[in-house]
Every structure is written in C-alpha cells, then in structure tokens.
Amino acid sequence: MADKKATRESYGAALCELGEKYDFLVLDADLAAATKTGMFKKKFPHRFFDCGIAEGNMMSVAAGIAATGKCVFASSFAMFAAGRAFEQVRNSIGYPHLNVKIGATHAGITVGEDGATHQCNEDIALMRTIPGMTVICPADATEAYEAVKAAIEVDGPVYLRFGRYAVPNFNAENPDYKFELGKAVKLKSGKDVTIIATGYMVHLALEAQKMLAEEGIDAGVLNIHTIKPIDKEAVIAAAKESGAIVTAEEHNIIGGLGGAVCEAVCEECPVPVVRVGVEDKFGRSGQVPELLELYGLTAKNICEKAKIAISKKK
C-alpha cells in the first residue's frame, strides 16, 4: 500500500529543494501555510513575497518581475488563482507569454468542508483557454515534484494544479517512472476500454481497472498529467486499442480532461467517450469521502461508466 501524501505538500517541498539549483522567486496571497509555500519562505526569506489577500495584484506583480527576466511562482487556492485573478493571468501573464508558474492548491471537491466557494471545479477549463498556457495536474506526490521541476524548465506560463487531500503516492513504487511534459503515462494496456484519468482520479482508475478485471473486462489505464498540451498520440492510440474511453477527473466534466480527450479523438478516431467528473454542479460542504461518493468520483462509478462506454461500441 503506497503512502498517502497531498500533492500540495510535495509542491512546497519541491520549491525548497529546487530553490537550491534554480533562481526563482515565490509569491503568495496570505495563504503560505495552506499552499505550503511557507516552507520556501523559511528557507529563502529574501526570495519570498507575501502579496496579501489580493490575488489579481499578485499576478500583476509576478508579471512585472517576470518581465525583468526572472522566473516566478505565484500561489493561492485554485479558486482565487484561476478564478478571481483570471483577467490578470490572461492579459498580464498569458498575452506577453511571461515566465510565471501558477501554483494553484486546494483544487476540486476534496477541499471538503470549505464548500462550494472554495471547491474550484472550473480552473482547468479556464486555464486551457489561454493561448500558450501549459496545464499540469499531477496524480501523486512523486509526480507533483517532477511537475514543478518541469515547469521551471518551461519557457512561458504554467498552471500547476495541486490538491489538499492526501492521495496514495503510487508512482514512488515504480523504479521506472519518468515524467515527460506533454507525454501521458501508460499504466496498463486494455482491449475492452481505456480509463483516461488525471490528478486525484488516477489512483481510483487503477482501482477500477482491478475491479473490472475481476469481471473479465480488460481495461487499460492512461495517466494524463499534462492536460495542455495533451498527448494526442497516446489518446488516439488508446482509442484505437480499446475502442471505448472513460475519462476521470476531479473537475467539471465540461471543459476539463473529458473535453480535451473528446477534442483529440473526434478528429482522428471517433469512439464512445463517457466522462466521470463533477456533472456541471457546484460543490457542497462536507467530509471528503462523502463528497466523493455524492459526486460519483469513485472507482465504482468509473466501472459503471466503463461498462456504458463498452456498450456503445459498434
């Protein structure tokens, strides 16, 4: 059983470790304890700036610093980084294609008791629409660390999506694991259906694959950590191999991974695509396990949707 760790924890640790090698600055909007950038602040106080509860201003400050040639990480909750500060991200960071990395934590339903106002299920959709923006949603702590490193090496804006809730660090058990920006990770081949997942839902996709195997269904699993640019080659290959796809994401089914996968397959290899995610609803306050069950973000629901996708095959 893999150890559990929240990806936001790995984000903070990665900033501290990579700060020894790379020359970047970190900004936060009065949430350093929650986003875990406080770890960087303690180690590199002269390279950390708290911009207060003014996320739009923080993004403008990040843009100004990046315009001088520096690499900057700007962090807040996903709801504020992608939602409240969208105009500044679009016009001040995206339009001039500046080297700002947005570390967005507390994304999705697993924020739990904070409720709908803080459970951002629209951020991937928002960030995908900004030209030149790279969007990364790591599946576990190991992948989160590698994502931060990859983001530093990208010339341009990057949106990094991290979670509050602990998730199994399953990639740590794979000695051959390799993170490549824009390249999907094939976790299992399958001839009946392929489960394409991102972020928190990847470990549930692996659970669903085992459950389906017990019923004699051969399901493949594809981990999409880079949602933009999405690995079209891997997605189309999965469509051709299995003839049916289920997408799984802790995000609205509109505009997120499901949309990106549909865009990829409909052009070259149309197959049934059934989406698992938040079905165009706002979140609710509650315990995380209960919320996951309520919104269908479970291995059981992935299995049910996989059977539906298979039934739609020609």
C-alpha atoms as a PDB file:
ATOM      1  CA  MET A   1       0.000   0.000   0.000  1.00  0.00           C
ATOM      2  CA  ALA A   2       1.511   3.317  -1.112  1.00  0.00           C
ATOM      3  CA  ASP A   3       1.991   6.051   1.475  1.00  0.00           C
ATOM      4  CA  LYS A   4      -0.515   8.898   1.251  1.00  0.00           C
ATOM      5  CA  LYS A   5       0.535  12.499   0.785  1.00  0.00           C
ATOM      6  CA  ALA A   6      -1.194  15.601  -0.521  1.00  0.00           C
ATOM      7  CA  THR A   7       0.258  16.996  -3.733  1.00  0.00           C
ATOM      8  CA  ARG A   8       0.376  20.485  -2.157  1.00  0.00           C
ATOM      9  CA  GLU A   9       2.876  19.073   0.370  1.00  0.00           C
ATOM     10  CA  SER A  10       5.112  17.897  -2.448  1.00  0.00           C
ATOM     11  CA  TYR A  11       4.768  21.307  -4.100  1.00  0.00           C
ATOM     12  CA  GLY A  12       6.194  23.054  -1.050  1.00  0.00           C
ATOM     13  CA  ALA A  13       8.990  20.505  -0.669  1.00  0.00           C
ATOM     14  CA  ALA A  14       9.863  20.760  -4.358  1.00  0.00           C
ATOM     15  CA  LEU A  15      10.151  24.552  -4.199  1.00  0.00           C
ATOM     16  CA  CYS A  16      12.579  24.251  -1.279  1.00  0.00           C
ATOM     17  CA  GLU A  17      14.744  21.603  -2.881  1.00  0.00           C
ATOM     18  CA  LEU A  18      14.744  23.057  -6.381  1.00  0.00           C
ATOM     19  CA  GLY A  19      15.394  26.522  -4.966  1.00  0.00           C
ATOM     20  CA  GLU A  20      18.953  25.388  -4.299  1.00  0.00           C
ATOM     21  CA  LYS A  21      19.553  24.830  -8.020  1.00  0.00           C
ATOM     22  CA  TYR A  22      17.244  27.283  -9.779  1.00  0.00           C
ATOM     23  CA  ASP A  23      16.974  31.040  -9.345  1.00  0.00           C
ATOM     24  CA  PHE A  24      13.265  31.765  -8.944  1.00  0.00           C
ATOM     25  CA  LEU A  25      11.057  33.818  -6.637  1.00  0.00           C
ATOM     26  CA  VAL A  26       7.848  32.795  -4.870  1.00  0.00           C
ATOM     27  CA  LEU A  27       4.787  34.952  -4.246  1.00  0.00           C
ATOM     28  CA  ASP A  28       1.774  34.051  -2.142  1.00  0.00           C
ATOM     29  CA  ALA A  29      -1.548  35.676  -1.262  1.00  0.00           C
ATOM     30  CA  ASP A  30      -1.625  35.313   2.527  1.00  0.00           C
ATOM     31  CA  LEU A  31      -2.038  31.513   2.336  1.00  0.00           C
ATOM     32  CA  ALA A  32       1.553  30.316   2.668  1.00  0.00           C
ATOM     33  CA  ALA A  33       0.732  27.851   5.445  1.00  0.00           C
ATOM     34  CA  ALA A  34      -2.006  26.217   3.362  1.00  0.00           C
ATOM     35  CA  THR A  35      -0.293  26.310  -0.042  1.00  0.00           C
ATOM     36  CA  LYS A  36       2.941  25.105   1.626  1.00  0.00           C
ATOM     37  CA  THR A  37       4.995  27.933   0.129  1.00  0.00           C
ATOM     38  CA  GLY A  38       5.766  28.823   3.740  1.00  0.00           C
ATOM     39  CA  MET A  39       8.420  26.114   3.573  1.00  0.00           C
ATOM     40  CA  PHE A  40      10.194  28.118   0.869  1.00  0.00           C
ATOM     41  CA  LYS A  41       9.712  31.339   2.836  1.00  0.00           C
ATOM     42  CA  LYS A  42      11.505  29.836   5.822  1.00  0.00           C
ATOM     43  CA  LYS A  43      14.436  28.618   3.745  1.00  0.00           C
ATOM     44  CA  PHE A  44      14.714  31.550   1.312  1.00  0.00           C
ATOM     45  CA  PRO A  45      13.103  34.570   3.030  1.00  0.00           C
ATOM     46  CA  HIS A  46      14.764  37.052   0.648  1.00  0.00           C
ATOM     47  CA  ARG A  47      13.152  35.312  -2.358  1.00  0.00           C
ATOM     48  CA  PHE A  48       9.602  35.157  -0.957  1.00  0.00           C
ATOM     49  CA  PHE A  49       6.952  37.890  -1.026  1.00  0.00           C
ATOM     50  CA  ASP A  50       3.504  37.835   0.572  1.00  0.00           C
ATOM     51  CA  CYS A  51       1.184  39.956  -1.546  1.00  0.00           C
ATOM     52  CA  GLY A  52      -1.740  39.747   0.857  1.00  0.00           C
ATOM     53  CA  ILE A  53      -5.344  38.885   0.033  1.00  0.00           C
ATOM     54  CA  ALA A  54      -5.119  40.482  -3.412  1.00  0.00           C
ATOM     55  CA  GLU A  55      -4.676  37.704  -5.933  1.00  0.00           C
ATOM     56  CA  GLY A  56      -5.113  39.855  -9.029  1.00  0.00           C
ATOM     57  CA  ASN A  57      -2.433  42.217  -7.773  1.00  0.00           C
ATOM     58  CA  MET A  58      -0.168  39.237  -7.002  1.00  0.00           C
ATOM     59  CA  MET A  59      -0.403  38.053 -10.615  1.00  0.00           C
ATOM     60  CA  SER A  60       0.416  41.570 -11.827  1.00  0.00           C
ATOM     61  CA  VAL A  61       3.433  41.693  -9.511  1.00  0.00           C
ATOM     62  CA  ALA A  62       4.515  38.268 -10.784  1.00  0.00           C
ATOM     63  CA  ALA A  63       4.193  39.525 -14.356  1.00  0.00           C
ATOM     64  CA  GLY A  64       6.279  42.609 -13.581  1.00  0.00           C
ATOM     65  CA  ILE A  65       9.047  40.526 -12.031  1.00  0.00           C
ATOM     66  CA  ALA A  66       8.960  38.008 -14.892  1.00  0.00           C
ATOM     67  CA  ALA A  67       9.250  40.877 -17.388  1.00  0.00           C
ATOM     68  CA  THR A  68      12.727  41.545 -15.965  1.00  0.00           C
ATOM     69  CA  GLY A  69      13.811  38.032 -16.908  1.00  0.00           C
ATOM     70  CA  LYS A  70      13.099  36.215 -13.628  1.00  0.00           C
ATOM     71  CA  CYS A  71      11.134  33.002 -13.109  1.00  0.00           C
ATOM     72  CA  VAL A  72       8.287  33.443 -10.616  1.00  0.00           C
ATOM     73  CA  PHE A  73       5.907  31.096  -8.804  1.00  0.00           C
ATOM     74  CA  ALA A  74       2.620  32.738  -7.766  1.00  0.00           C
ATOM     75  CA  SER A  75       0.497  30.675  -5.379  1.00  0.00           C
ATOM     76  CA  SER A  76      -3.001  30.663  -3.955  1.00  0.00           C
ATOM     77  CA  PHE A  77      -6.046  28.404  -3.849  1.00  0.00           C
ATOM     78  CA  ALA A  78      -7.187  27.357  -7.325  1.00  0.00           C
ATOM     79  CA  MET A  79     -10.462  29.267  -6.911  1.00  0.00           C
ATOM     80  CA  PHE A  80      -8.558  32.519  -6.456  1.00  0.00           C
ATOM     81  CA  ALA A  81      -5.564  31.876  -8.720  1.00  0.00           C
ATOM     82  CA  ALA A  82      -7.638  30.813 -11.735  1.00  0.00           C
ATOM     83  CA  GLY A  83     -10.981  32.416 -10.883  1.00  0.00           C
ATOM     84  CA  ARG A  84     -10.502  35.718  -9.118  1.00  0.00           C
ATOM     85  CA  ALA A  85      -7.284  36.579 -10.968  1.00  0.00           C
ATOM     86  CA  PHE A  86      -8.279  35.329 -14.431  1.00  0.00           C
ATOM     87  CA  GLU A  87      -8.082  38.703 -16.145  1.00  0.00           C
ATOM     88  CA  GLN A  88      -4.579  39.381 -14.844  1.00  0.00           C
ATOM     89  CA  VAL A  89      -3.437  35.846 -15.696  1.00  0.00           C
ATOM     90  CA  ARG A  90      -4.807  36.188 -19.220  1.00  0.00           C
ATOM     91  CA  ASN A  91      -3.691  39.733 -20.054  1.00  0.00           C
ATOM     92  CA  SER A  92      -0.591  40.268 -17.912  1.00  0.00           C
ATOM     93  CA  ILE A  93       0.908  36.753 -17.970  1.00  0.00           C
ATOM     94  CA  GLY A  94      -0.590  34.790 -20.863  1.00  0.00           C
ATOM     95  CA  TYR A  95      -0.693  37.510 -23.530  1.00  0.00           C
ATOM     96  CA  PRO A  96       3.000  38.504 -23.166  1.00  0.00           C
ATOM     97  CA  HIS A  97       3.888  34.827 -22.569  1.00  0.00           C
ATOM     98  CA  LEU A  98       5.808  35.531 -19.372  1.00  0.00           C
ATOM     99  CA  ASN A  99       7.713  33.017 -17.264  1.00  0.00           C
ATOM    100  CA  VAL A 100       5.199  32.811 -14.404  1.00  0.00           C
ATOM    101  CA  LYS A 101       4.294  29.478 -12.841  1.00  0.00           C
ATOM    102  CA  ILE A 102       0.923  29.458 -11.073  1.00  0.00           C
ATOM    103  CA  GLY A 103       0.907  27.051  -8.136  1.00  0.00           C
ATOM    104  CA  ALA A 104      -2.816  26.502  -7.526  1.00  0.00           C
ATOM    105  CA  THR A 105      -3.642  24.392  -4.485  1.00  0.00           C
ATOM    106  CA  HIS A 106      -6.913  23.208  -2.912  1.00  0.00           C
ATOM    107  CA  ALA A 107      -8.468  22.379  -6.274  1.00  0.00           C
ATOM    108  CA  GLY A 108     -11.622  20.315  -6.709  1.00  0.00           C
ATOM    109  CA  ILE A 109     -14.188  18.716  -4.406  1.00  0.00           C
ATOM    110  CA  THR A 110     -11.547  17.343  -1.996  1.00  0.00           C
ATOM    111  CA  VAL A 111     -11.248  20.762  -0.382  1.00  0.00           C
ATOM    112  CA  GLY A 112     -14.076  19.331   1.732  1.00  0.00           C
ATOM    113  CA  GLU A 113     -15.690  21.438   4.416  1.00  0.00           C
ATOM    114  CA  ASP A 114     -14.740  24.776   2.817  1.00  0.00           C
ATOM    115  CA  GLY A 115     -17.639  24.232   0.440  1.00  0.00           C
ATOM    116  CA  ALA A 116     -18.676  25.474  -2.992  1.00  0.00           C
ATOM    117  CA  THR A 117     -16.993  28.871  -2.836  1.00  0.00           C
ATOM    118  CA  HIS A 118     -13.580  27.233  -2.435  1.00  0.00           C
ATOM    119  CA  GLN A 119     -14.079  23.980  -4.396  1.00  0.00           C
ATOM    120  CA  CYS A 120     -12.850  25.060  -7.798  1.00  0.00           C
ATOM    121  CA  ASN A 121     -14.036  22.645 -10.473  1.00  0.00           C
ATOM    122  CA  GLU A 122     -13.655  25.082 -13.365  1.00  0.00           C
ATOM    123  CA  ASP A 123      -9.966  26.014 -13.272  1.00  0.00           C
ATOM    124  CA  ILE A 124      -8.683  23.544 -15.881  1.00  0.00           C
ATOM    125  CA  ALA A 125     -11.306  24.790 -18.319  1.00  0.00           C
ATOM    126  CA  LEU A 126     -10.337  28.402 -17.676  1.00  0.00           C
ATOM    127  CA  MET A 127      -6.599  27.851 -17.991  1.00  0.00           C
ATOM    128  CA  ARG A 128      -6.918  25.643 -21.099  1.00  0.00           C
ATOM    129  CA  THR A 129      -8.457  28.555 -22.989  1.00  0.00           C
ATOM    130  CA  ILE A 130      -5.443  30.836 -22.511  1.00  0.00           C
ATOM    131  CA  PRO A 131      -3.145  30.581 -25.565  1.00  0.00           C
ATOM    132  CA  GLY A 132       0.318  29.272 -24.702  1.00  0.00           C
ATOM    133  CA  MET A 133      -0.624  28.208 -21.168  1.00  0.00           C
ATOM    134  CA  THR A 134       0.688  24.793 -20.095  1.00  0.00           C
ATOM    135  CA  VAL A 135      -1.677  22.988 -17.701  1.00  0.00           C
ATOM    136  CA  ILE A 136      -0.391  20.228 -15.404  1.00  0.00           C
ATOM    137  CA  CYS A 137      -2.412  18.149 -12.915  1.00  0.00           C
ATOM    138  CA  PRO A 138      -0.146  15.652 -11.087  1.00  0.00           C
ATOM    139  CA  ALA A 139      -1.545  12.381  -9.782  1.00  0.00           C
ATOM    140  CA  ASP A 140       0.544  11.979  -6.631  1.00  0.00           C
ATOM    141  CA  ALA A 141       3.428  13.430  -4.610  1.00  0.00           C
ATOM    142  CA  THR A 142       6.131  11.949  -6.832  1.00  0.00           C
ATOM    143  CA  GLU A 143       4.529  13.364  -9.956  1.00  0.00           C
ATOM    144  CA  ALA A 144       3.933  16.724  -8.256  1.00  0.00           C
ATOM    145  CA  TYR A 145       7.649  17.122  -7.558  1.00  0.00           C
ATOM    146  CA  GLU A 146       8.532  16.282 -11.153  1.00  0.00           C
ATOM    147  CA  ALA A 147       5.851  18.658 -12.418  1.00  0.00           C
ATOM    148  CA  VAL A 148       7.354  21.586 -10.506  1.00  0.00           C
ATOM    149  CA  LYS A 149      10.793  20.809 -11.914  1.00  0.00           C
ATOM    150  CA  ALA A 150       9.389  20.552 -15.446  1.00  0.00           C
ATOM    151  CA  ALA A 151       7.516  23.838 -15.015  1.00  0.00           C
ATOM    152  CA  ILE A 152      10.735  25.663 -14.123  1.00  0.00           C
ATOM    153  CA  GLU A 153      12.334  24.445 -17.326  1.00  0.00           C
ATOM    154  CA  VAL A 154       9.389  25.585 -19.498  1.00  0.00           C
ATOM    155  CA  ASP A 155       9.807  28.976 -21.131  1.00  0.00           C
ATOM    156  CA  GLY A 156       6.408  30.519 -20.545  1.00  0.00           C
ATOM    157  CA  PRO A 157       3.368  30.381 -18.255  1.00  0.00           C
ATOM    158  CA  VAL A 158       2.407  27.154 -16.493  1.00  0.00           C
ATOM    159  CA  TYR A 159      -0.650  26.316 -14.397  1.00  0.00           C
ATOM    160  CA  LEU A 160       0.051  23.643 -11.769  1.00  0.00           C
ATOM    161  CA  ARG A 161      -2.976  22.069 -10.066  1.00  0.00           C
ATOM    162  CA  PHE A 162      -2.491  20.623  -6.571  1.00  0.00           C
ATOM    163  CA  GLY A 163      -4.836  19.073  -4.017  1.00  0.00           C
ATOM    164  CA  ARG A 164      -5.428  19.430  -0.300  1.00  0.00           C
ATOM    165  CA  TYR A 165      -6.402  15.812   0.331  1.00  0.00           C
ATOM    166  CA  ALA A 166      -3.815  13.045   0.750  1.00  0.00           C
ATOM    167  CA  VAL A 167      -3.545  10.617  -2.169  1.00  0.00           C
ATOM    168  CA  PRO A 168      -1.566   7.347  -2.482  1.00  0.00           C
ATOM    169  CA  ASN A 169       1.955   8.050  -3.734  1.00  0.00           C
ATOM    170  CA  PHE A 170       1.847   5.069  -6.111  1.00  0.00           C
ATOM    171  CA  ASN A 171       4.494   6.341  -8.543  1.00  0.00           C
ATOM    172  CA  ALA A 172       7.105   6.128  -5.774  1.00  0.00           C
ATOM    173  CA  GLU A 173       6.839   2.345  -6.045  1.00  0.00           C
ATOM    174  CA  ASN A 174       7.742   2.370  -9.737  1.00  0.00           C
ATOM    175  CA  PRO A 175      11.530   2.483 -10.277  1.00  0.00           C
ATOM    176  CA  ASP A 176      10.977   3.131 -13.989  1.00  0.00           C
ATOM    177  CA  TYR A 177       8.690   6.134 -13.531  1.00  0.00           C
ATOM    178  CA  LYS A 178       9.600   9.049 -15.771  1.00  0.00           C
ATOM    179  CA  PHE A 179       7.851  12.400 -16.090  1.00  0.00           C
ATOM    180  CA  GLU A 180       7.831  13.954 -19.549  1.00  0.00           C
ATOM    181  CA  LEU A 181       5.937  17.165 -20.112  1.00  0.00           C
ATOM    182  CA  GLY A 182       3.151  16.606 -22.623  1.00  0.00           C
ATOM    183  CA  LYS A 183       3.564  12.822 -22.533  1.00  0.00           C
ATOM    184  CA  ALA A 184       0.919  10.560 -20.997  1.00  0.00           C
ATOM    185  CA  VAL A 185       1.919   7.668 -18.748  1.00  0.00           C
ATOM    186  CA  LYS A 186       0.522   4.316 -19.857  1.00  0.00           C
ATOM    187  CA  LEU A 187      -0.157   2.384 -16.668  1.00  0.00           C
ATOM    188  CA  LYS A 188      -1.981  -0.569 -18.238  1.00  0.00           C
ATOM    189  CA  SER A 189      -2.977  -1.743 -21.712  1.00  0.00           C
ATOM    190  CA  GLY A 190      -6.550  -2.878 -22.319  1.00  0.00           C
ATOM    191  CA  LYS A 191      -8.531  -4.146 -25.289  1.00  0.00           C
ATOM    192  CA  ASP A 192     -12.084  -3.566 -23.979  1.00  0.00           C
ATOM    193  CA  VAL A 193     -11.956   0.011 -22.678  1.00  0.00           C
ATOM    194  CA  THR A 194      -9.378   2.628 -21.629  1.00  0.00           C
ATOM    195  CA  ILE A 195      -9.710   4.728 -18.481  1.00  0.00           C
ATOM    196  CA  ILE A 196      -8.009   8.077 -19.032  1.00  0.00           C
ATOM    197  CA  ALA A 197      -7.552   9.907 -15.744  1.00  0.00           C
ATOM    198  CA  THR A 198      -5.811  12.911 -14.264  1.00  0.00           C
ATOM    199  CA  GLY A 199      -4.856  14.121 -10.796  1.00  0.00           C
ATOM    200  CA  TYR A 200      -6.663  12.623  -7.807  1.00  0.00           C
ATOM    201  CA  MET A 201      -8.654  10.245 -10.003  1.00  0.00           C
ATOM    202  CA  VAL A 202      -5.662   8.280 -11.330  1.00  0.00           C
ATOM    203  CA  HIS A 203      -5.332   6.011  -8.291  1.00  0.00           C
ATOM    204  CA  LEU A 204      -9.098   5.387  -8.443  1.00  0.00           C
ATOM    205  CA  ALA A 205      -8.731   4.479 -12.120  1.00  0.00           C
ATOM    206  CA  LEU A 206      -6.209   1.826 -11.104  1.00  0.00           C
ATOM    207  CA  GLU A 207      -8.658   0.503  -8.505  1.00  0.00           C
ATOM    208  CA  ALA A 208     -11.419   0.431 -11.124  1.00  0.00           C
ATOM    209  CA  GLN A 209      -9.168  -1.475 -13.534  1.00  0.00           C
ATOM    210  CA  LYS A 210      -8.712  -4.235 -10.948  1.00  0.00           C
ATOM    211  CA  MET A 211     -12.443  -4.360 -10.233  1.00  0.00           C
ATOM    212  CA  LEU A 212     -13.225  -4.649 -13.938  1.00  0.00           C
ATOM    213  CA  ALA A 213     -10.612  -7.396 -14.340  1.00  0.00           C
ATOM    214  CA  GLU A 214     -12.483  -9.447 -11.734  1.00  0.00           C
ATOM    215  CA  GLU A 215     -15.500  -9.284 -14.059  1.00  0.00           C
ATOM    216  CA  GLY A 216     -13.459 -10.344 -17.062  1.00  0.00           C
ATOM    217  CA  ILE A 217     -13.207  -6.858 -18.559  1.00  0.00           C
ATOM    218  CA  ASP A 218      -9.774  -5.880 -19.881  1.00  0.00           C
ATOM    219  CA  ALA A 219      -9.377  -2.170 -19.108  1.00  0.00           C
ATOM    220  CA  GLY A 220      -6.386  -0.018 -19.868  1.00  0.00           C
ATOM    221  CA  VAL A 221      -5.323   2.982 -17.748  1.00  0.00           C
ATOM    222  CA  LEU A 222      -3.719   6.164 -19.081  1.00  0.00           C
ATOM    223  CA  ASN A 223      -2.484   8.912 -16.757  1.00  0.00           C
ATOM    224  CA  ILE A 224      -2.728  12.359 -18.348  1.00  0.00           C
ATOM    225  CA  HIS A 225      -0.709  14.688 -16.117  1.00  0.00           C
ATOM    226  CA  THR A 226      -0.260  17.349 -18.807  1.00  0.00           C
ATOM    227  CA  ILE A 227      -3.753  18.350 -19.902  1.00  0.00           C
ATOM    228  CA  LYS A 228      -2.414  21.079 -22.160  1.00  0.00           C
ATOM    229  CA  PRO A 229      -0.694  20.259 -24.417  1.00  0.00           C
ATOM    230  CA  ILE A 230      -2.446  16.886 -24.219  1.00  0.00           C
ATOM    231  CA  ASP A 231      -0.686  13.820 -25.591  1.00  0.00           C
ATOM    232  CA  LYS A 232      -2.933  13.335 -28.647  1.00  0.00           C
ATOM    233  CA  GLU A 233      -0.836  10.445 -29.911  1.00  0.00           C
ATOM    234  CA  ALA A 234      -1.340   8.454 -26.703  1.00  0.00           C
ATOM    235  CA  VAL A 235      -5.062   9.271 -26.533  1.00  0.00           C
ATOM    236  CA  ILE A 236      -5.673   8.241 -30.143  1.00  0.00           C
ATOM    237  CA  ALA A 237      -3.599   5.075 -29.654  1.00  0.00           C
ATOM    238  CA  ALA A 238      -5.785   4.188 -26.647  1.00  0.00           C
ATOM    239  CA  ALA A 239      -8.922   4.816 -28.703  1.00  0.00           C
ATOM    240  CA  LYS A 240      -7.683   2.504 -31.446  1.00  0.00           C
ATOM    241  CA  GLU A 241      -6.563  -0.169 -28.980  1.00  0.00           C
ATOM    242  CA  SER A 242      -9.761  -0.446 -26.940  1.00  0.00           C
ATOM    243  CA  GLY A 243     -12.454   1.277 -28.988  1.00  0.00           C
ATOM    244  CA  ALA A 244     -14.002   2.932 -25.922  1.00  0.00           C
ATOM    245  CA  ILE A 245     -12.865   5.520 -23.382  1.00  0.00           C
ATOM    246  CA  VAL A 246     -13.844   6.661 -19.897  1.00  0.00           C
ATOM    247  CA  THR A 247     -12.344   9.906 -18.623  1.00  0.00           C
ATOM    248  CA  ALA A 248     -11.999  10.562 -14.894  1.00  0.00           C
ATOM    249  CA  GLU A 249     -11.253  13.925 -13.315  1.00  0.00           C
ATOM    250  CA  GLU A 250     -11.911  15.882 -10.134  1.00  0.00           C
ATOM    251  CA  HIS A 251     -13.286  18.752 -12.192  1.00  0.00           C
ATOM    252  CA  ASN A 252     -16.401  19.737 -14.087  1.00  0.00           C
ATOM    253  CA  ILE A 253     -16.964  17.335 -16.985  1.00  0.00           C
ATOM    254  CA  ILE A 254     -17.282  20.463 -19.158  1.00  0.00           C
ATOM    255  CA  GLY A 255     -14.014  21.931 -20.385  1.00  0.00           C
ATOM    256  CA  GLY A 256     -11.598  19.715 -18.480  1.00  0.00           C
ATOM    257  CA  LEU A 257      -9.874  16.429 -19.279  1.00  0.00           C
ATOM    258  CA  GLY A 258     -13.032  14.921 -20.755  1.00  0.00           C
ATOM    259  CA  GLY A 259     -13.360  17.799 -23.184  1.00  0.00           C
ATOM    260  CA  ALA A 260      -9.687  17.630 -24.136  1.00  0.00           C
ATOM    261  CA  VAL A 261      -9.916  13.885 -24.815  1.00  0.00           C
ATOM    262  CA  CYS A 262     -13.088  14.304 -26.895  1.00  0.00           C
ATOM    263  CA  GLU A 263     -11.392  17.006 -28.950  1.00  0.00           C
ATOM    264  CA  ALA A 264      -8.463  14.680 -29.617  1.00  0.00           C
ATOM    265  CA  VAL A 265     -10.370  11.541 -30.600  1.00  0.00           C
ATOM    266  CA  CYS A 266     -13.226  13.091 -32.605  1.00  0.00           C
ATOM    267  CA  GLU A 267     -10.827  14.441 -35.197  1.00  0.00           C
ATOM    268  CA  GLU A 268      -8.982  11.226 -35.969  1.00  0.00           C
ATOM    269  CA  CYS A 269     -10.542   8.205 -34.253  1.00  0.00           C
ATOM    270  CA  PRO A 270     -14.137   8.734 -33.075  1.00  0.00           C
ATOM    271  CA  VAL A 271     -15.021   6.266 -30.310  1.00  0.00           C
ATOM    272  CA  PRO A 272     -17.501   6.373 -27.400  1.00  0.00           C
ATOM    273  CA  VAL A 273     -16.241   8.631 -24.602  1.00  0.00           C
ATOM    274  CA  VAL A 274     -18.065   8.587 -21.249  1.00  0.00           C
ATOM    275  CA  ARG A 275     -16.995  11.191 -18.689  1.00  0.00           C
ATOM    276  CA  VAL A 276     -16.635  10.789 -14.922  1.00  0.00           C
ATOM    277  CA  GLY A 277     -16.375  14.062 -13.035  1.00  0.00           C
ATOM    278  CA  VAL A 278     -18.465  16.754 -11.408  1.00  0.00           C
ATOM    279  CA  GLU A 279     -21.551  16.866 -13.622  1.00  0.00           C
ATOM    280  CA  ASP A 280     -21.954  20.613 -14.070  1.00  0.00           C
ATOM    281  CA  LYS A 281     -22.794  21.278 -10.427  1.00  0.00           C
ATOM    282  CA  PHE A 282     -21.389  23.403  -7.638  1.00  0.00           C
ATOM    283  CA  GLY A 283     -19.736  21.693  -4.699  1.00  0.00           C
ATOM    284  CA  ARG A 284     -21.067  21.339  -1.162  1.00  0.00           C
ATOM    285  CA  SER A 285     -19.548  21.465   2.283  1.00  0.00           C
ATOM    286  CA  GLY A 286     -18.862  18.052   3.793  1.00  0.00           C
ATOM    287  CA  GLN A 287     -16.419  15.299   4.641  1.00  0.00           C
ATOM    288  CA  VAL A 288     -14.282  14.366   1.645  1.00  0.00           C
ATOM    289  CA  PRO A 289     -15.269  10.658   1.432  1.00  0.00           C
ATOM    290  CA  GLU A 290     -18.956  11.603   1.485  1.00  0.00           C
ATOM    291  CA  LEU A 291     -18.443  14.267  -1.191  1.00  0.00           C
ATOM    292  CA  LEU A 292     -16.567  11.869  -3.447  1.00  0.00           C
ATOM    293  CA  GLU A 293     -19.447   9.426  -3.173  1.00  0.00           C
ATOM    294  CA  LEU A 294     -22.053  12.135  -3.720  1.00  0.00           C
ATOM    295  CA  TYR A 295     -20.419  13.401  -6.908  1.00  0.00           C
ATOM    296  CA  GLY A 296     -19.566   9.965  -8.280  1.00  0.00           C
ATOM    297  CA  LEU A 297     -15.803  10.385  -8.007  1.00  0.00           C
ATOM    298  CA  THR A 298     -15.270   6.735  -7.104  1.00  0.00           C
ATOM    299  CA  ALA A 299     -13.747   3.586  -8.564  1.00  0.00           C
ATOM    300  CA  LYS A 300     -17.210   2.014  -8.559  1.00  0.00           C
ATOM    301  CA  ASN A 301     -18.643   4.775 -10.734  1.00  0.00           C
ATOM    302  CA  ILE A 302     -15.696   4.539 -13.112  1.00  0.00           C
ATOM    303  CA  CYS A 303     -16.511   0.839 -13.503  1.00  0.00           C
ATOM    304  CA  GLU A 304     -20.167   1.581 -14.218  1.00  0.00           C
ATOM    305  CA  LYS A 305     -19.282   4.208 -16.803  1.00  0.00           C
ATOM    306  CA  ALA A 306     -16.732   1.842 -18.374  1.00  0.00           C
ATOM    307  CA  LYS A 307     -19.494  -0.704 -18.980  1.00  0.00           C
ATOM    308  CA  ILE A 308     -21.638   2.006 -20.557  1.00  0.00           C
ATOM    309  CA  ALA A 309     -18.767   3.016 -22.848  1.00  0.00           C
ATOM    310  CA  ILE A 310     -18.264  -0.623 -23.872  1.00  0.00           C
ATOM    311  CA  SER A 311     -21.986  -0.991 -24.625  1.00  0.00           C
ATOM    312  CA  LYS A 312     -21.759   1.929 -27.035  1.00  0.00           C
ATOM    313  CA  LYS A 313     -19.027   0.329 -29.150  1.00  0.00           C
ATOM    314  CA  LYS A 314     -20.047  -0.502 -32.721  1.00  0.00           C
END
